[in-house]
Every structure is written in C-alpha cells, then in structure tokens.
C-alpha cells in the first residue's frame, strides 16, 4: 500500500489480535497481565522509540512504534474488560481534545494564532478552563508533568509550563548567570561537607542547566544521551586497545589510560 493511501484502516487488525490473545483460550501470559504489570513495558517501549529516533533508522522506528501501539491497544482492552472504556473511546477522546485545543485550525476563526508561542499559551489557558469546567480547578499548572519522567526531561517540561505563565528568565544571559550562581552555591555546599546540602545544590545546578538548554532550544535529555553514547563508544575503544596490547585496564597507570583515551577519541571522531 502506498503511504499516501494509508488512513489507519489496519488498526482494527491489532484490536482483533489483542482480543484473541486475551480470550479465554488465548495466551496465558497476556491474560495474566494487569495495568500495573504493563506499566514498565509502556515506559520501556517509549524509550525504545526515542532510541530509534536517535539512531535515525526508519525501519527501527516503524518497529518500535508498533510495539508502543501494542501497549496502547493492550491497555485499552484491559480498560474494556473492566467496563471503563474501549479502544474507540481512547481514539475519540484524543480527537475531541485535539480539535477543541486547535480552534485556530478547526474553529470559526482559523489562522488567529500565528506563532508557536501563541499556540502554547492558548493551549495552557484552554487546559485550565477545561479543568475548571470539570471541577478540577484546584489542579496546578505543573501537575500535568508526570513525576515518572526522566529528571532532565521533567525539568525541561516544568520550566516550559512555568514559563508560559511568565515565571521565567527574560533571556539566556540571565539563565547563564543563574548557572554560575548555582555552581558557586554547590562549591560552598561541598566545602561544608554536608551531603544533604550538596545534593540539593547539585539538583539546582542541573535544573539551571536544563533551563539554559531550554532557552537555547536544546534538549538536555538528548544531549546527555549523546554524551553517554560517545563516552561508551570511546571506552569500548579503550578496552579494545588494552586487550590488543595484552594488558588489563586495572593494571594501567593514569598516564597510560590517558593515552588510550586520546587515541580512542581520535578513532571515534565524526
């Protein structure tokens, strides 16, 4: 099937597959799963989608998106079994939400919002009105950021949401100054030797760095993943060099390790 012709017609196949697996004569393992046991899997699949994006592999991304979609359908079927909702309710719910939050596209006055900043500000206001209409007006603007998110990603999202209400630095220079301030406070905490204080100040440094990255339109989570990937690749090269020389890393001097690291960086340079 050509890509332009695809309109999601095959999605019912996945729903039918999941129903078969969960049938009384279906798969024993699938039938034993609960929302609680699937929680880890949906998080893992989301991370694997992110990994596929980072690798730049369309085939891997297609496969991982399928795995993530399976988790959505799986949990939707569990919701059906409990009488809560079904897969169509999940789809209809998000379609309704997206239409209501995009009046500049679907409303009577299209084109009213011209920039992404205006769209995001309007989005937050509409979400606040929806919460109030549902009797959830007491919910804070930051409550929608999942606490289970990776910390650097959560720091970015918290900063974004607070910024939409004016709680933010005016420019990147102010954020950079905040990084310096937090580093000084970390040094002071380290000098005191108080572990709790050091941990608090380290958190403030990381939050400030995440804010600096956000103002530079950088993703700190992606930046750290990239740094770890480079380090892992270079460390693997160091291990290979040591093995080829008949030496063990633990037996090498700091100077020898430095030389291996310099060579590893040269070999793995882009």
Protein backbone atom coordinates (compact mmCIF):
# COMPACT_ATOMS: atom_id res chain seq x y z
CA UNK A 1 0.00 0.00 0.00
CA UNK A 2 1.29 3.45 -0.87
CA UNK A 3 1.97 5.71 2.10
CA UNK A 4 -0.43 8.48 0.91
CA UNK A 5 -3.26 5.92 0.77
CA UNK A 6 -2.87 4.82 4.39
CA UNK A 7 -5.59 6.14 6.69
CA UNK A 8 -5.24 3.79 9.65
CA UNK A 9 -7.55 1.16 8.16
CA UNK A 10 -5.40 -1.63 9.57
CA UNK A 11 -5.72 -0.57 13.22
CA UNK A 12 -8.76 -2.86 13.80
CA UNK A 13 -6.47 -5.79 12.97
CA UNK A 14 -4.40 -5.03 16.04
CA UNK A 15 -7.50 -4.68 18.22
CA UNK A 16 -8.78 -8.05 16.96
CA UNK A 17 -5.37 -9.62 17.59
CA UNK A 18 -5.31 -8.35 21.17
CA UNK A 19 -8.86 -9.57 21.79
CA UNK A 20 -7.84 -13.02 20.55
CA UNK A 21 -4.81 -13.10 22.83
CA UNK A 22 -6.96 -12.11 25.83
CA UNK A 23 -9.74 -14.59 25.05
CA UNK A 24 -10.35 -17.47 27.49
CA UNK A 25 -8.44 -19.79 25.14
CA UNK A 26 -5.85 -17.15 24.28
CA UNK A 27 -2.31 -16.58 25.59
CA UNK A 28 -1.85 -17.43 29.31
CA UNK A 29 0.84 -14.76 29.73
CA UNK A 30 -1.19 -11.98 28.12
CA UNK A 31 -4.27 -12.92 30.13
CA UNK A 32 -2.30 -12.63 33.39
CA UNK A 33 -1.20 -9.04 32.71
CA UNK A 34 -2.63 -6.04 34.54
CA UNK A 35 -2.24 -2.30 34.15
CA UNK A 36 0.35 -2.44 36.91
CA UNK A 37 2.45 -5.16 35.23
CA UNK A 38 2.26 -3.36 31.88
CA UNK A 39 3.41 -0.04 33.33
CA UNK A 40 7.10 -0.90 32.93
CA UNK A 41 6.59 -2.17 29.38
CA UNK A 42 4.94 1.01 28.12
CA UNK A 43 7.79 3.09 29.58
CA UNK A 44 10.39 0.79 28.03
CA UNK A 45 8.68 0.90 24.63
CA UNK A 46 8.56 4.71 24.72
CA UNK A 47 12.29 4.79 25.43
CA UNK A 48 12.95 2.36 22.58
CA UNK A 49 11.04 4.69 20.23
CA UNK A 50 13.32 7.51 21.37
CA UNK A 51 16.38 5.31 20.77
CA UNK A 52 15.18 4.52 17.23
CA UNK A 53 14.77 8.25 16.56
CA UNK A 54 18.30 8.90 17.83
CA UNK A 55 19.69 6.13 15.61
CA UNK A 56 17.98 7.65 12.58
CA UNK A 57 16.65 4.27 11.50
CA UNK A 58 13.22 4.36 9.80
CA UNK A 59 12.87 0.57 10.00
CA UNK A 60 13.67 0.51 13.71
CA UNK A 61 11.29 3.44 14.32
CA UNK A 62 8.47 1.68 12.47
CA UNK A 63 9.00 -1.45 14.55
CA UNK A 64 9.24 0.37 17.89
CA UNK A 65 6.16 2.49 17.16
CA UNK A 66 4.32 -0.78 16.57
CA UNK A 67 5.48 -2.09 19.94
CA UNK A 68 4.30 1.10 21.62
CA UNK A 69 0.96 0.96 19.80
CA UNK A 70 0.52 -2.61 21.01
CA UNK A 71 0.82 -1.40 24.59
CA UNK A 72 -1.87 1.23 23.99
CA UNK A 73 -4.24 -1.32 22.50
CA UNK A 74 -3.38 -3.85 25.23
CA UNK A 75 -4.28 -1.40 28.00
CA UNK A 76 -7.37 -0.29 26.11
CA UNK A 77 -8.59 -3.88 26.09
CA UNK A 78 -7.95 -4.18 29.81
CA UNK A 79 -9.99 -0.99 30.21
CA UNK A 80 -12.78 -2.64 28.20
CA UNK A 81 -12.68 -5.75 30.42
CA UNK A 82 -13.14 -3.53 33.49
CA UNK A 83 -16.03 -1.63 31.89
CA UNK A 84 -14.10 1.63 31.90
CA UNK A 85 -13.56 2.36 28.20
CA UNK A 86 -12.67 0.72 24.91
CA UNK A 87 -10.11 1.47 22.17
CA UNK A 88 -12.58 3.64 20.26
CA UNK A 89 -13.12 5.74 23.38
CA UNK A 90 -9.36 6.30 23.58
CA UNK A 91 -9.22 7.48 19.95
CA UNK A 92 -12.38 9.58 20.14
CA UNK A 93 -11.14 11.19 23.36
CA UNK A 94 -7.86 12.38 21.90
CA UNK A 95 -9.50 13.51 18.64
CA UNK A 96 -12.05 15.57 20.57
CA UNK A 97 -9.32 17.06 22.75
CA UNK A 98 -7.09 17.97 19.80
CA UNK A 99 -9.95 19.59 17.88
CA UNK A 100 -11.03 21.65 20.91
CA UNK A 101 -7.47 22.79 21.58
CA UNK A 102 -6.82 23.82 17.98
CA UNK A 103 -9.51 26.44 17.34
CA UNK A 104 -7.04 28.27 15.12
CA UNK A 105 -7.30 25.29 12.77
CA UNK A 106 -10.78 23.83 13.27
CA UNK A 107 -12.68 26.78 14.74
CA UNK A 108 -14.68 29.56 13.10
CA UNK A 109 -11.65 31.88 13.09
CA UNK A 110 -8.77 29.86 11.58
CA UNK A 111 -5.36 31.44 11.45
CA UNK A 112 -5.93 33.55 14.56
CA UNK A 113 -2.80 32.18 16.24
CA UNK A 114 0.24 32.75 14.06
CA UNK A 115 3.21 31.64 16.20
CA UNK A 116 4.02 28.52 18.19
CA UNK A 117 4.35 30.66 21.33
CA UNK A 118 0.79 31.90 20.91
CA UNK A 119 -0.42 28.36 20.33
CA UNK A 120 1.25 27.07 23.51
CA UNK A 121 -0.08 29.93 25.62
CA UNK A 122 -3.61 29.39 24.29
CA UNK A 123 -3.23 25.64 24.87
CA UNK A 124 -2.43 26.13 28.56
CA UNK A 125 -5.34 28.54 29.00
CA UNK A 126 -7.76 26.09 27.40
CA UNK A 127 -6.49 23.24 29.55
CA UNK A 128 -7.02 25.41 32.64
CA UNK A 129 -10.60 26.21 31.54
CA UNK A 130 -11.26 22.52 30.88
CA UNK A 131 -10.03 21.61 34.35
CA UNK A 132 -12.24 24.28 35.89
CA UNK A 133 -15.26 23.06 33.92
CA UNK A 134 -14.66 19.54 35.21
CA UNK A 135 -14.42 20.76 38.78
CA UNK A 136 -10.65 20.33 38.82
CA UNK A 137 -9.74 23.98 39.06
CA UNK A 138 -7.53 23.31 42.06
CA UNK A 139 -5.07 21.37 39.90
CA UNK A 140 -1.84 23.28 39.42
CA UNK A 141 -0.23 24.08 36.08
CA UNK A 142 2.67 21.72 36.84
CA UNK A 143 0.53 18.78 37.93
CA UNK A 144 0.27 17.54 34.35
CA UNK A 145 4.01 16.79 34.19
CA UNK A 146 4.44 13.10 35.09
CA UNK A 147 6.72 12.58 38.09
CA UNK A 148 7.95 9.33 36.49
CA UNK A 149 9.58 11.24 33.62
CA UNK A 150 13.39 11.16 33.38
CA UNK A 151 14.52 14.02 35.61
CA UNK A 152 16.18 16.19 32.94
CA UNK A 153 13.18 15.86 30.64
CA UNK A 154 10.85 16.70 33.52
CA UNK A 155 12.98 19.74 34.36
CA UNK A 156 12.52 20.95 30.79
CA UNK A 157 8.75 20.43 30.84
CA UNK A 158 8.36 22.09 34.25
CA UNK A 159 10.36 25.09 33.02
CA UNK A 160 8.27 25.30 29.85
CA UNK A 161 4.97 25.26 31.72
CA UNK A 162 6.08 27.77 34.34
CA UNK A 163 7.43 29.99 31.57
CA UNK A 164 4.04 30.14 29.86
CA UNK A 165 2.76 31.94 32.94
CA UNK A 166 5.62 34.43 32.95
CA UNK A 167 7.68 32.58 35.58
CA UNK A 168 10.94 32.51 33.63
CA UNK A 169 14.13 34.41 32.88
CA UNK A 170 13.96 37.18 30.32
CA UNK A 171 16.86 35.96 28.21
CA UNK A 172 19.53 33.28 28.01
CA UNK A 173 22.16 35.55 29.60
CA UNK A 174 20.13 35.66 32.81
CA UNK A 175 19.86 31.88 32.82
CA UNK A 176 23.62 31.56 32.29
CA UNK A 177 24.19 33.83 35.27
CA UNK A 178 21.89 31.58 37.28
CA UNK A 179 24.07 28.58 36.35
CA UNK A 180 27.12 30.40 37.71
CA UNK A 181 25.22 31.30 40.88
CA UNK A 182 24.17 27.69 41.45
CA UNK A 183 27.72 26.43 40.80
CA UNK A 184 29.04 28.81 43.47
CA UNK A 185 26.45 27.53 45.90
CA UNK A 186 27.41 23.95 45.04
CA UNK A 187 31.06 24.77 45.81
CA UNK A 188 30.01 26.29 49.14
CA UNK A 189 27.98 23.19 49.95
CA UNK A 190 30.90 20.94 49.03
CA UNK A 191 33.17 22.98 51.32
CA UNK A 192 30.71 22.46 54.18
CA UNK A 193 30.82 18.69 53.72
CA UNK A 194 27.05 18.41 54.26
CA UNK A 195 25.77 15.69 51.92
CA UNK A 196 22.13 16.77 52.02
CA UNK A 197 23.04 20.35 51.18
CA UNK A 198 25.37 19.19 48.38
CA UNK A 199 22.62 17.06 46.87
CA UNK A 200 20.16 19.96 46.96
CA UNK A 201 22.64 22.33 45.32
CA UNK A 202 23.58 19.74 42.69
CA UNK A 203 19.88 19.47 41.82
CA UNK A 204 19.68 23.25 41.49
CA UNK A 205 22.69 23.23 39.14
CA UNK A 206 21.11 20.56 36.93
CA UNK A 207 17.78 22.41 36.88
CA UNK A 208 19.54 25.64 35.93
CA UNK A 209 21.44 23.85 33.14
CA UNK A 210 18.18 22.36 31.87
CA UNK A 211 16.71 25.87 31.82
CA UNK A 212 19.73 27.19 29.93
CA UNK A 213 19.31 24.39 27.38
CA UNK A 214 15.61 25.18 27.01
CA UNK A 215 16.37 28.83 26.29
CA UNK A 216 18.91 27.70 23.69
CA UNK A 217 16.27 25.37 22.22
CA UNK A 218 18.37 22.35 23.13
CA UNK A 219 17.13 19.10 24.65
CA UNK A 220 19.25 18.33 27.75
CA UNK A 221 17.98 14.75 27.89
CA UNK A 222 19.08 14.17 24.30
CA UNK A 223 22.37 15.98 24.92
CA UNK A 224 23.18 13.73 27.88
CA UNK A 225 22.23 10.60 25.94
CA UNK A 226 24.56 11.72 23.15
CA UNK A 227 27.38 12.33 25.61
CA UNK A 228 26.87 8.90 27.17
CA UNK A 229 26.84 7.28 23.74
CA UNK A 230 30.12 8.97 22.83
CA UNK A 231 31.69 8.02 26.15
CA UNK A 232 30.55 4.40 25.81
CA UNK A 233 31.94 4.18 22.28
CA UNK A 234 35.29 5.64 23.32
CA UNK A 235 35.52 3.50 26.44
CA UNK A 236 34.86 0.41 24.33
CA UNK A 237 37.73 1.52 22.07
CA UNK A 238 39.98 1.89 25.14
CA UNK A 239 39.08 -1.64 26.23
CA UNK A 240 39.86 -2.97 22.75
CA UNK A 241 43.23 -1.22 22.65
CA UNK A 242 44.15 -2.59 26.07
CA UNK A 243 43.08 -6.09 25.11
CA UNK A 244 45.09 -5.96 21.90
CA UNK A 245 48.19 -4.91 23.87
CA UNK A 246 47.74 -7.83 26.27
CA UNK A 247 47.10 -5.52 29.21
CA UNK A 248 44.30 -5.17 31.70
CA UNK A 249 42.77 -1.72 32.28
CA UNK A 250 43.09 -2.12 36.03
CA UNK A 251 46.86 -2.60 35.69
CA UNK A 252 47.45 0.57 33.69
CA UNK A 253 48.70 3.88 35.04
CA UNK A 254 46.62 7.06 34.73
CA UNK A 255 49.09 8.28 32.09
CA UNK A 256 48.65 5.12 30.01
CA UNK A 257 44.87 5.37 30.28
CA UNK A 258 45.02 9.00 29.15
CA UNK A 259 46.96 7.97 26.06
CA UNK A 260 44.45 5.25 25.25
CA UNK A 261 41.62 7.76 25.70
CA UNK A 262 43.24 10.28 23.38
CA UNK A 263 43.64 7.58 20.76
CA UNK A 264 40.04 6.44 21.26
CA UNK A 265 38.78 9.99 20.72
CA UNK A 266 40.82 10.19 17.52
CA UNK A 267 39.45 6.90 16.24
CA UNK A 268 35.84 7.73 17.07
CA UNK A 269 35.86 11.35 15.92
CA UNK A 270 33.00 12.16 13.49
